[in-house]
Amino acid sequence: MRTLQNKNSAFQKVGECLYRYSSNGVYYARIKAGGKEIRQSLRTTDKALAKRNLATLKDKQQQIDRSKSKITLAKLCDRYLDTIQHQKAKTVERKTYIVNRIKTQWPTGSSTQVGRIKPSDIQLWLARYKFGPVSRNLHLACIKEILS
């Protein structure tokens, strides 16, 4: 049985891509997706449930299109605007206004790759404006819709 050492405790390999942390018995997944290694807790101490959770995690990771993270924020905003045209005119107007603010005043520029945007960038962008809670929530909801 192979183990990965981590100071005082060790991960014990118990199956393909499945490890158990020796100190607490929790199972962890260690998989590769899109050339990147992903280590994630499966939040269980039951081996059968861990195997099912591992299969679910693998399926979710295969569905992710990693090339989309290379798209720029400006292009993503344009795509978003194309998808909201069926909404009411006032809603489209408000969201277009927010998208224009994103494209012109984003802290790292609108040519930033979406995969490189951090939560702190969003907070920095929101901090630039002095508006009430309703407007802040509208801006936050719009950026969440764009990035989702």
N, C-alpha and C. Protein backbone atom coordinates (compact mmCIF):
# COMPACT_ATOMS: atom_id res chain seq x y z
N MET A 1 0.84 -1.17 0.00
CA MET A 1 0.00 0.00 0.00
C MET A 1 0.89 1.24 0.00
N ARG A 2 0.71 2.09 -1.02
CA ARG A 2 1.51 3.31 -1.09
C ARG A 2 0.90 4.39 -0.20
N THR A 3 1.76 5.25 0.33
CA THR A 3 1.28 6.35 1.15
C THR A 3 1.96 7.63 0.72
N LEU A 4 1.25 8.73 0.88
CA LEU A 4 1.81 10.05 0.67
C LEU A 4 1.95 10.68 2.05
N GLN A 5 3.16 11.06 2.42
CA GLN A 5 3.41 11.59 3.74
C GLN A 5 3.02 13.06 3.82
N ASN A 6 2.45 13.45 4.94
CA ASN A 6 2.09 14.83 5.20
C ASN A 6 2.36 15.10 6.67
N LYS A 7 3.58 15.45 7.00
CA LYS A 7 4.05 15.73 8.35
C LYS A 7 3.69 14.60 9.31
N ASN A 8 2.59 14.69 10.07
CA ASN A 8 2.27 13.70 11.09
C ASN A 8 1.33 12.60 10.60
N SER A 9 0.60 12.84 9.55
CA SER A 9 -0.37 11.86 9.06
C SER A 9 -0.05 11.51 7.62
N ALA A 10 -0.71 10.46 7.12
CA ALA A 10 -0.42 10.01 5.77
C ALA A 10 -1.71 9.68 5.03
N PHE A 11 -1.64 9.83 3.73
CA PHE A 11 -2.72 9.40 2.86
C PHE A 11 -2.40 7.98 2.41
N GLN A 12 -3.34 7.09 2.58
CA GLN A 12 -3.15 5.71 2.15
C GLN A 12 -3.98 5.47 0.90
N LYS A 13 -3.33 4.93 -0.13
CA LYS A 13 -4.05 4.63 -1.37
C LYS A 13 -4.90 3.39 -1.15
N VAL A 14 -6.21 3.52 -1.40
CA VAL A 14 -7.11 2.39 -1.19
C VAL A 14 -7.81 1.97 -2.48
N GLY A 15 -7.57 2.67 -3.55
CA GLY A 15 -8.18 2.35 -4.84
C GLY A 15 -7.68 3.32 -5.88
N GLU A 16 -8.15 3.12 -7.11
CA GLU A 16 -7.74 4.00 -8.19
C GLU A 16 -8.27 5.41 -7.92
N CYS A 17 -7.36 6.36 -7.78
CA CYS A 17 -7.67 7.77 -7.52
C CYS A 17 -8.33 7.99 -6.16
N LEU A 18 -8.27 7.03 -5.28
CA LEU A 18 -8.95 7.12 -3.99
C LEU A 18 -7.95 6.94 -2.86
N TYR A 19 -7.93 7.90 -1.95
CA TYR A 19 -7.01 7.89 -0.82
C TYR A 19 -7.80 8.09 0.47
N ARG A 20 -7.24 7.53 1.57
CA ARG A 20 -7.85 7.70 2.88
C ARG A 20 -6.83 8.35 3.79
N TYR A 21 -7.26 9.41 4.45
CA TYR A 21 -6.39 10.11 5.39
C TYR A 21 -6.37 9.32 6.69
N SER A 22 -5.18 8.92 7.12
CA SER A 22 -5.07 7.98 8.23
C SER A 22 -5.53 8.54 9.57
N SER A 23 -5.39 9.83 9.80
CA SER A 23 -5.73 10.36 11.13
C SER A 23 -7.23 10.45 11.38
N ASN A 24 -8.02 10.71 10.32
CA ASN A 24 -9.46 10.85 10.55
C ASN A 24 -10.30 9.88 9.72
N GLY A 25 -9.69 9.14 8.80
CA GLY A 25 -10.40 8.15 8.01
C GLY A 25 -11.23 8.70 6.87
N VAL A 26 -11.12 9.99 6.58
CA VAL A 26 -11.89 10.61 5.49
C VAL A 26 -11.23 10.28 4.16
N TYR A 27 -12.06 9.99 3.16
CA TYR A 27 -11.57 9.65 1.83
C TYR A 27 -11.39 10.90 0.98
N TYR A 28 -10.35 10.86 0.14
CA TYR A 28 -10.03 11.96 -0.75
C TYR A 28 -9.88 11.43 -2.17
N ALA A 29 -10.25 12.26 -3.13
CA ALA A 29 -10.06 11.93 -4.54
C ALA A 29 -8.80 12.63 -5.02
N ARG A 30 -8.09 11.96 -5.90
CA ARG A 30 -6.91 12.56 -6.53
C ARG A 30 -6.97 12.17 -8.00
N ILE A 31 -7.47 13.11 -8.81
CA ILE A 31 -7.69 12.83 -10.23
C ILE A 31 -7.01 13.88 -11.08
N LYS A 32 -6.84 13.55 -12.35
CA LYS A 32 -6.31 14.50 -13.32
C LYS A 32 -7.42 14.85 -14.29
N ALA A 33 -7.60 16.13 -14.53
CA ALA A 33 -8.61 16.58 -15.47
C ALA A 33 -8.04 17.77 -16.23
N GLY A 34 -8.01 17.64 -17.54
CA GLY A 34 -7.49 18.74 -18.35
C GLY A 34 -6.04 19.04 -18.08
N GLY A 35 -5.26 18.03 -17.71
CA GLY A 35 -3.84 18.23 -17.44
C GLY A 35 -3.54 18.77 -16.06
N LYS A 36 -4.57 18.97 -15.24
CA LYS A 36 -4.36 19.48 -13.90
C LYS A 36 -4.77 18.43 -12.88
N GLU A 37 -4.00 18.34 -11.80
CA GLU A 37 -4.33 17.41 -10.74
C GLU A 37 -5.32 18.07 -9.79
N ILE A 38 -6.34 17.33 -9.45
CA ILE A 38 -7.37 17.84 -8.54
C ILE A 38 -7.41 16.92 -7.33
N ARG A 39 -7.23 17.50 -6.15
CA ARG A 39 -7.35 16.76 -4.90
C ARG A 39 -8.52 17.35 -4.14
N GLN A 40 -9.46 16.49 -3.80
CA GLN A 40 -10.66 16.99 -3.15
C GLN A 40 -11.18 15.98 -2.14
N SER A 41 -11.64 16.50 -1.01
CA SER A 41 -12.23 15.63 0.00
C SER A 41 -13.57 15.11 -0.50
N LEU A 42 -13.82 13.84 -0.24
CA LEU A 42 -15.11 13.24 -0.60
C LEU A 42 -16.08 13.28 0.59
N ARG A 43 -15.62 13.82 1.71
CA ARG A 43 -16.42 14.09 2.90
C ARG A 43 -17.17 12.86 3.43
N THR A 44 -16.49 11.75 3.45
CA THR A 44 -17.10 10.54 3.99
C THR A 44 -16.02 9.60 4.51
N THR A 45 -16.42 8.75 5.43
CA THR A 45 -15.51 7.71 5.93
C THR A 45 -15.96 6.34 5.45
N ASP A 46 -17.03 6.28 4.67
CA ASP A 46 -17.56 5.03 4.12
C ASP A 46 -16.96 4.81 2.73
N LYS A 47 -16.32 3.66 2.53
CA LYS A 47 -15.63 3.39 1.27
C LYS A 47 -16.59 3.30 0.09
N ALA A 48 -17.73 2.66 0.26
CA ALA A 48 -18.69 2.52 -0.85
C ALA A 48 -19.21 3.89 -1.29
N LEU A 49 -19.54 4.73 -0.31
CA LEU A 49 -20.01 6.08 -0.63
C LEU A 49 -18.89 6.90 -1.27
N ALA A 50 -17.67 6.71 -0.80
CA ALA A 50 -16.52 7.42 -1.38
C ALA A 50 -16.34 7.06 -2.84
N LYS A 51 -16.52 5.78 -3.18
CA LYS A 51 -16.38 5.36 -4.58
C LYS A 51 -17.46 6.00 -5.45
N ARG A 52 -18.69 6.08 -4.92
CA ARG A 52 -19.77 6.72 -5.68
C ARG A 52 -19.49 8.21 -5.86
N ASN A 53 -19.03 8.86 -4.78
CA ASN A 53 -18.70 10.29 -4.86
C ASN A 53 -17.55 10.54 -5.83
N LEU A 54 -16.59 9.62 -5.87
CA LEU A 54 -15.47 9.74 -6.80
C LEU A 54 -15.97 9.66 -8.24
N ALA A 55 -16.86 8.73 -8.52
CA ALA A 55 -17.42 8.60 -9.87
C ALA A 55 -18.18 9.86 -10.26
N THR A 56 -18.93 10.43 -9.33
CA THR A 56 -19.67 11.67 -9.59
C THR A 56 -18.70 12.82 -9.87
N LEU A 57 -17.63 12.91 -9.07
CA LEU A 57 -16.63 13.96 -9.27
C LEU A 57 -15.97 13.83 -10.63
N LYS A 58 -15.63 12.61 -11.03
CA LYS A 58 -15.01 12.40 -12.34
C LYS A 58 -15.95 12.84 -13.46
N ASP A 59 -17.24 12.50 -13.33
CA ASP A 59 -18.22 12.90 -14.34
C ASP A 59 -18.32 14.42 -14.44
N LYS A 60 -18.37 15.09 -13.29
CA LYS A 60 -18.46 16.55 -13.28
C LYS A 60 -17.23 17.18 -13.92
N GLN A 61 -16.06 16.63 -13.63
CA GLN A 61 -14.83 17.19 -14.18
C GLN A 61 -14.74 16.99 -15.68
N GLN A 62 -15.30 15.90 -16.20
CA GLN A 62 -15.28 15.66 -17.64
C GLN A 62 -16.21 16.62 -18.37
N GLN A 63 -17.24 17.11 -17.69
CA GLN A 63 -18.19 18.01 -18.32
C GLN A 63 -17.68 19.44 -18.40
N ILE A 64 -16.65 19.76 -17.65
CA ILE A 64 -16.11 21.11 -17.64
C ILE A 64 -15.27 21.33 -18.89
N ASP A 65 -15.56 22.41 -19.60
CA ASP A 65 -14.79 22.77 -20.78
C ASP A 65 -13.71 23.76 -20.35
N ARG A 66 -12.51 23.26 -20.17
CA ARG A 66 -11.43 24.08 -19.64
C ARG A 66 -10.95 25.15 -20.61
N SER A 67 -11.27 25.02 -21.89
CA SER A 67 -10.85 26.03 -22.86
C SER A 67 -11.63 27.33 -22.66
N LYS A 68 -12.79 27.26 -22.02
CA LYS A 68 -13.61 28.46 -21.79
C LYS A 68 -12.93 29.42 -20.82
N SER A 69 -12.01 28.95 -20.00
CA SER A 69 -11.34 29.84 -19.06
C SER A 69 -10.36 30.77 -19.77
N LYS A 70 -10.05 30.48 -21.02
CA LYS A 70 -9.12 31.32 -21.77
C LYS A 70 -9.82 32.47 -22.48
N ILE A 71 -11.15 32.49 -22.48
CA ILE A 71 -11.90 33.56 -23.12
C ILE A 71 -11.72 34.84 -22.30
N THR A 72 -11.71 35.98 -22.97
CA THR A 72 -11.52 37.25 -22.27
C THR A 72 -12.84 37.71 -21.65
N LEU A 73 -12.72 38.59 -20.68
CA LEU A 73 -13.89 39.12 -20.00
C LEU A 73 -14.77 39.89 -20.97
N ALA A 74 -14.18 40.64 -21.88
CA ALA A 74 -14.95 41.42 -22.85
C ALA A 74 -15.78 40.52 -23.75
N LYS A 75 -15.19 39.43 -24.25
CA LYS A 75 -15.93 38.50 -25.11
C LYS A 75 -17.05 37.81 -24.34
N LEU A 76 -16.78 37.46 -23.10
CA LEU A 76 -17.80 36.82 -22.28
C LEU A 76 -18.96 37.79 -22.02
N CYS A 77 -18.64 39.06 -21.80
CA CYS A 77 -19.69 40.07 -21.61
C CYS A 77 -20.55 40.20 -22.86
N ASP A 78 -19.91 40.19 -24.02
CA ASP A 78 -20.67 40.27 -25.28
C ASP A 78 -21.58 39.06 -25.45
N ARG A 79 -21.08 37.89 -25.13
CA ARG A 79 -21.91 36.68 -25.20
C ARG A 79 -23.10 36.78 -24.25
N TYR A 80 -22.83 37.30 -23.06
CA TYR A 80 -23.89 37.46 -22.06
C TYR A 80 -24.97 38.40 -22.58
N LEU A 81 -24.57 39.51 -23.18
CA LEU A 81 -25.56 40.46 -23.70
C LEU A 81 -26.42 39.81 -24.79
N ASP A 82 -25.83 38.92 -25.58
CA ASP A 82 -26.61 38.23 -26.61
C ASP A 82 -27.66 37.30 -25.99
N THR A 83 -27.38 36.77 -24.81
CA THR A 83 -28.31 35.81 -24.19
C THR A 83 -29.44 36.47 -23.42
N ILE A 84 -29.35 37.76 -23.14
CA ILE A 84 -30.40 38.41 -22.33
C ILE A 84 -31.38 39.23 -23.16
N GLN A 85 -31.28 39.20 -24.46
CA GLN A 85 -32.11 40.05 -25.31
C GLN A 85 -33.60 39.70 -25.24
N HIS A 86 -33.95 38.53 -24.76
CA HIS A 86 -35.36 38.14 -24.65
C HIS A 86 -36.04 38.74 -23.42
N GLN A 87 -35.27 39.34 -22.52
CA GLN A 87 -35.83 39.88 -21.29
C GLN A 87 -36.47 41.25 -21.56
N LYS A 88 -37.14 41.78 -20.56
CA LYS A 88 -37.81 43.07 -20.71
C LYS A 88 -36.80 44.16 -21.03
N ALA A 89 -37.28 45.19 -21.71
CA ALA A 89 -36.40 46.27 -22.19
C ALA A 89 -35.65 46.95 -21.05
N LYS A 90 -36.32 47.21 -19.95
CA LYS A 90 -35.69 47.89 -18.81
C LYS A 90 -34.59 47.01 -18.20
N THR A 91 -34.83 45.71 -18.14
CA THR A 91 -33.84 44.77 -17.61
C THR A 91 -32.61 44.73 -18.51
N VAL A 92 -32.84 44.67 -19.81
CA VAL A 92 -31.74 44.65 -20.78
C VAL A 92 -30.94 45.95 -20.67
N GLU A 93 -31.64 47.07 -20.52
CA GLU A 93 -30.97 48.37 -20.40
C GLU A 93 -30.07 48.41 -19.16
N ARG A 94 -30.60 47.94 -18.02
CA ARG A 94 -29.83 47.94 -16.77
C ARG A 94 -28.62 47.03 -16.87
N LYS A 95 -28.82 45.83 -17.40
CA LYS A 95 -27.71 44.88 -17.50
C LYS A 95 -26.67 45.35 -18.52
N THR A 96 -27.10 45.99 -19.58
CA THR A 96 -26.16 46.54 -20.56
C THR A 96 -25.31 47.63 -19.92
N TYR A 97 -25.93 48.46 -19.09
CA TYR A 97 -25.21 49.51 -18.37
C TYR A 97 -24.14 48.90 -17.47
N ILE A 98 -24.50 47.86 -16.73
CA ILE A 98 -23.55 47.20 -15.83
C ILE A 98 -22.43 46.53 -16.62
N VAL A 99 -22.77 45.88 -17.73
CA VAL A 99 -21.76 45.22 -18.56
C VAL A 99 -20.79 46.25 -19.13
N ASN A 100 -21.29 47.41 -19.54
CA ASN A 100 -20.40 48.46 -20.04
C ASN A 100 -19.46 48.95 -18.94
N ARG A 101 -19.95 49.02 -17.71
CA ARG A 101 -19.08 49.38 -16.59
C ARG A 101 -17.99 48.33 -16.40
N ILE A 102 -18.37 47.07 -16.51
CA ILE A 102 -17.40 45.98 -16.37
C ILE A 102 -16.33 46.10 -17.45
N LYS A 103 -16.76 46.30 -18.68
CA LYS A 103 -15.82 46.32 -19.81
C LYS A 103 -14.89 47.53 -19.76
N THR A 104 -15.36 48.66 -19.25
CA THR A 104 -14.52 49.86 -19.25
C THR A 104 -13.75 50.08 -17.96
N GLN A 105 -14.25 49.56 -16.84
CA GLN A 105 -13.64 49.90 -15.55
C GLN A 105 -13.20 48.69 -14.73
N TRP A 106 -13.01 47.54 -15.37
CA TRP A 106 -12.56 46.36 -14.63
C TRP A 106 -11.13 46.59 -14.15
N PRO A 107 -10.80 46.24 -12.89
CA PRO A 107 -9.47 46.54 -12.32
C PRO A 107 -8.29 46.03 -13.14
N THR A 108 -8.40 44.84 -13.73
CA THR A 108 -7.28 44.28 -14.49
C THR A 108 -7.47 44.42 -16.00
N GLY A 109 -8.49 45.14 -16.41
CA GLY A 109 -8.76 45.35 -17.83
C GLY A 109 -9.70 44.30 -18.39
N SER A 110 -10.42 44.67 -19.44
CA SER A 110 -11.42 43.76 -20.00
C SER A 110 -10.80 42.65 -20.84
N SER A 111 -9.49 42.74 -21.10
CA SER A 111 -8.82 41.68 -21.86
C SER A 111 -8.30 40.57 -20.94
N THR A 112 -8.65 40.63 -19.67
CA THR A 112 -8.26 39.60 -18.71
C THR A 112 -8.95 38.29 -19.03
N GLN A 113 -8.21 37.19 -18.95
CA GLN A 113 -8.81 35.88 -19.16
C GLN A 113 -9.73 35.57 -17.99
N VAL A 114 -10.87 34.97 -18.29
CA VAL A 114 -11.87 34.68 -17.27
C VAL A 114 -11.30 33.76 -16.19
N GLY A 115 -10.45 32.83 -16.56
CA GLY A 115 -9.86 31.91 -15.61
C GLY A 115 -8.94 32.57 -14.60
N ARG A 116 -8.52 33.79 -14.88
CA ARG A 116 -7.61 34.50 -13.98
C ARG A 116 -8.32 35.50 -13.07
N ILE A 117 -9.62 35.60 -13.18
CA ILE A 117 -10.38 36.53 -12.34
C ILE A 117 -10.53 35.92 -10.96
N LYS A 118 -10.21 36.72 -9.95
CA LYS A 118 -10.28 36.28 -8.56
C LYS A 118 -11.43 37.00 -7.86
N PRO A 119 -11.94 36.44 -6.79
CA PRO A 119 -12.98 37.13 -6.02
C PRO A 119 -12.54 38.52 -5.56
N SER A 120 -11.25 38.69 -5.29
CA SER A 120 -10.77 40.01 -4.87
C SER A 120 -10.89 41.03 -5.99
N ASP A 121 -10.80 40.60 -7.26
CA ASP A 121 -10.99 41.51 -8.38
C ASP A 121 -12.43 42.03 -8.40
N ILE A 122 -13.36 41.15 -8.11
CA ILE A 122 -14.77 41.55 -8.09
C ILE A 122 -15.02 42.53 -6.95
N GLN A 123 -14.45 42.24 -5.78
CA GLN A 123 -14.61 43.15 -4.64
C GLN A 123 -13.98 44.51 -4.92
N LEU A 124 -12.82 44.51 -5.57
CA LEU A 124 -12.16 45.76 -5.92
C LEU A 124 -13.00 46.57 -6.90
N TRP A 125 -13.59 45.88 -7.88
CA TRP A 125 -14.43 46.56 -8.86
C TRP A 125 -15.66 47.17 -8.18
N LEU A 126 -16.29 46.42 -7.29
CA LEU A 126 -17.47 46.93 -6.58
C LEU A 126 -17.12 48.08 -5.64
N ALA A 127 -15.92 48.05 -5.06
CA ALA A 127 -15.51 49.09 -4.12
C ALA A 127 -15.30 50.44 -4.79
N ARG A 128 -15.16 50.46 -6.10
CA ARG A 128 -14.96 51.72 -6.82
C ARG A 128 -16.21 52.60 -6.81
N TYR A 129 -17.34 52.01 -6.58
CA TYR A 129 -18.60 52.74 -6.68
C TYR A 129 -19.20 52.99 -5.30
N LYS A 130 -19.83 54.14 -5.18
CA LYS A 130 -20.52 54.48 -3.94
C LYS A 130 -22.01 54.39 -4.23
N PHE A 131 -22.55 53.20 -4.04
CA PHE A 131 -23.97 53.02 -4.25
C PHE A 131 -24.57 52.24 -3.09
N GLY A 132 -25.88 52.23 -3.04
CA GLY A 132 -26.59 51.56 -1.96
C GLY A 132 -26.59 50.05 -2.12
N PRO A 133 -27.17 49.38 -1.15
CA PRO A 133 -27.17 47.92 -1.17
C PRO A 133 -27.92 47.31 -2.36
N VAL A 134 -28.99 47.96 -2.81
CA VAL A 134 -29.75 47.41 -3.93
C VAL A 134 -28.92 47.44 -5.21
N SER A 135 -28.29 48.58 -5.48
CA SER A 135 -27.45 48.68 -6.68
C SER A 135 -26.25 47.74 -6.60
N ARG A 136 -25.68 47.65 -5.42
CA ARG A 136 -24.54 46.73 -5.23
C ARG A 136 -24.96 45.29 -5.54
N ASN A 137 -26.12 44.90 -5.03
CA ASN A 137 -26.60 43.55 -5.27
C ASN A 137 -26.92 43.31 -6.74
N LEU A 138 -27.44 44.33 -7.44
CA LEU A 138 -27.70 44.19 -8.87
C LEU A 138 -26.40 44.00 -9.65
N HIS A 139 -25.37 44.78 -9.29
CA HIS A 139 -24.06 44.65 -9.94
C HIS A 139 -23.47 43.27 -9.65
N LEU A 140 -23.55 42.84 -8.41
CA LEU A 140 -23.01 41.55 -8.01
C LEU A 140 -23.75 40.41 -8.70
N ALA A 141 -25.07 40.51 -8.79
CA ALA A 141 -25.86 39.47 -9.46
C ALA A 141 -25.50 39.41 -10.94
N CYS A 142 -25.27 40.55 -11.55
CA CYS A 142 -24.93 40.59 -12.98
C CYS A 142 -23.57 39.93 -13.23
N ILE A 143 -22.57 40.24 -12.43
CA ILE A 143 -21.25 39.64 -12.64
C ILE A 143 -21.30 38.14 -12.35
N LYS A 144 -22.13 37.72 -11.40
CA LYS A 144 -22.29 36.29 -11.14
C LYS A 144 -22.93 35.59 -12.33
N GLU A 145 -23.93 36.24 -12.94
CA GLU A 145 -24.58 35.66 -14.13
C GLU A 145 -23.58 35.55 -15.28
N ILE A 146 -22.75 36.55 -15.43
CA ILE A 146 -21.77 36.55 -16.51
C ILE A 146 -20.76 35.42 -16.31
N LEU A 147 -20.27 35.26 -15.10
CA LEU A 147 -19.21 34.29 -14.83
C LEU A 147 -19.72 32.87 -14.61
N SER A 148 -21.02 32.70 -14.47
CA SER A 148 -21.54 31.35 -14.23
C SER A 148 -21.64 30.54 -15.50
